[in-house]
């Protein structure tokens, strides 16, 4: 499942979900690197 996370105030990253951490952060894979950040909630139109 592809997830979008927020890394900094203006930086986001998108990639396949690797795992969810206990503190609410999400780890995704971007290329060969693992990136951790806050998940961005889906908006309902």
C-alpha atoms as a PDB file:
ATOM      1  CA  UNK A   1       0.000   0.000   0.000  1.00  0.00           C
ATOM      2  CA  UNK A   2       1.410   3.388  -1.012  1.00  0.00           C
ATOM      3  CA  UNK A   3       1.491   5.945   1.821  1.00  0.00           C
ATOM      4  CA  UNK A   4       2.333   9.650   1.959  1.00  0.00           C
ATOM      5  CA  UNK A   5       4.209  10.977   4.979  1.00  0.00           C
ATOM      6  CA  UNK A   6       5.338  14.385   6.150  1.00  0.00           C
ATOM      7  CA  UNK A   7       9.046  14.553   6.974  1.00  0.00           C
ATOM      8  CA  UNK A   8       9.392  18.273   7.683  1.00  0.00           C
ATOM      9  CA  UNK A   9       7.149  21.299   7.621  1.00  0.00           C
ATOM     10  CA  UNK A  10       7.145  21.469   3.802  1.00  0.00           C
ATOM     11  CA  UNK A  11       8.642  18.094   2.805  1.00  0.00           C
ATOM     12  CA  UNK A  12       6.587  15.007   1.983  1.00  0.00           C
ATOM     13  CA  UNK A  13       7.531  11.578   0.675  1.00  0.00           C
ATOM     14  CA  UNK A  14       5.513   8.798  -0.896  1.00  0.00           C
ATOM     15  CA  UNK A  15       6.248   5.095  -1.057  1.00  0.00           C
ATOM     16  CA  UNK A  16       5.199   1.596  -0.024  1.00  0.00           C
ATOM     17  CA  UNK A  17       4.449   1.098   3.670  1.00  0.00           C
ATOM     18  CA  UNK A  18       7.103  -0.864   5.586  1.00  0.00           C
ATOM     19  CA  UNK A  19       5.746  -0.629   9.152  1.00  0.00           C
ATOM     20  CA  UNK A  20       3.844   1.508  11.654  1.00  0.00           C
ATOM     21  CA  UNK A  21       5.682   2.509  14.822  1.00  0.00           C
ATOM     22  CA  UNK A  22       4.224   2.596  18.335  1.00  0.00           C
ATOM     23  CA  UNK A  23       4.571   6.397  18.588  1.00  0.00           C
ATOM     24  CA  UNK A  24       2.303   6.919  15.535  1.00  0.00           C
ATOM     25  CA  UNK A  25       5.047   7.436  12.952  1.00  0.00           C
ATOM     26  CA  UNK A  26       5.158   5.450   9.715  1.00  0.00           C
ATOM     27  CA  UNK A  27       8.155   3.961   7.891  1.00  0.00           C
ATOM     28  CA  UNK A  28       8.086   3.852   4.069  1.00  0.00           C
ATOM     29  CA  UNK A  29      10.600   2.745   1.450  1.00  0.00           C
ATOM     30  CA  UNK A  30      11.857   5.390  -0.987  1.00  0.00           C
ATOM     31  CA  UNK A  31      14.195   3.729  -3.451  1.00  0.00           C
ATOM     32  CA  UNK A  32      16.660   1.801  -1.291  1.00  0.00           C
ATOM     33  CA  UNK A  33      16.203   4.016   1.793  1.00  0.00           C
ATOM     34  CA  UNK A  34      13.732   3.786   4.665  1.00  0.00           C
ATOM     35  CA  UNK A  35      12.118   7.101   5.610  1.00  0.00           C
ATOM     36  CA  UNK A  36      10.198   7.826   8.832  1.00  0.00           C
ATOM     37  CA  UNK A  37       7.567  10.544   9.222  1.00  0.00           C
ATOM     38  CA  UNK A  38       4.034  11.477  10.214  1.00  0.00           C
ATOM     39  CA  UNK A  39       1.284   9.975   8.053  1.00  0.00           C
ATOM     40  CA  UNK A  40      -0.887  12.408   6.078  1.00  0.00           C
ATOM     41  CA  UNK A  41      -4.595  11.688   6.555  1.00  0.00           C
ATOM     42  CA  UNK A  42      -6.818  11.161   3.544  1.00  0.00           C
ATOM     43  CA  UNK A  43      -9.257  13.990   2.800  1.00  0.00           C
ATOM     44  CA  UNK A  44     -12.876  13.330   2.066  1.00  0.00           C
ATOM     45  CA  UNK A  45     -14.261  15.525  -0.710  1.00  0.00           C
END
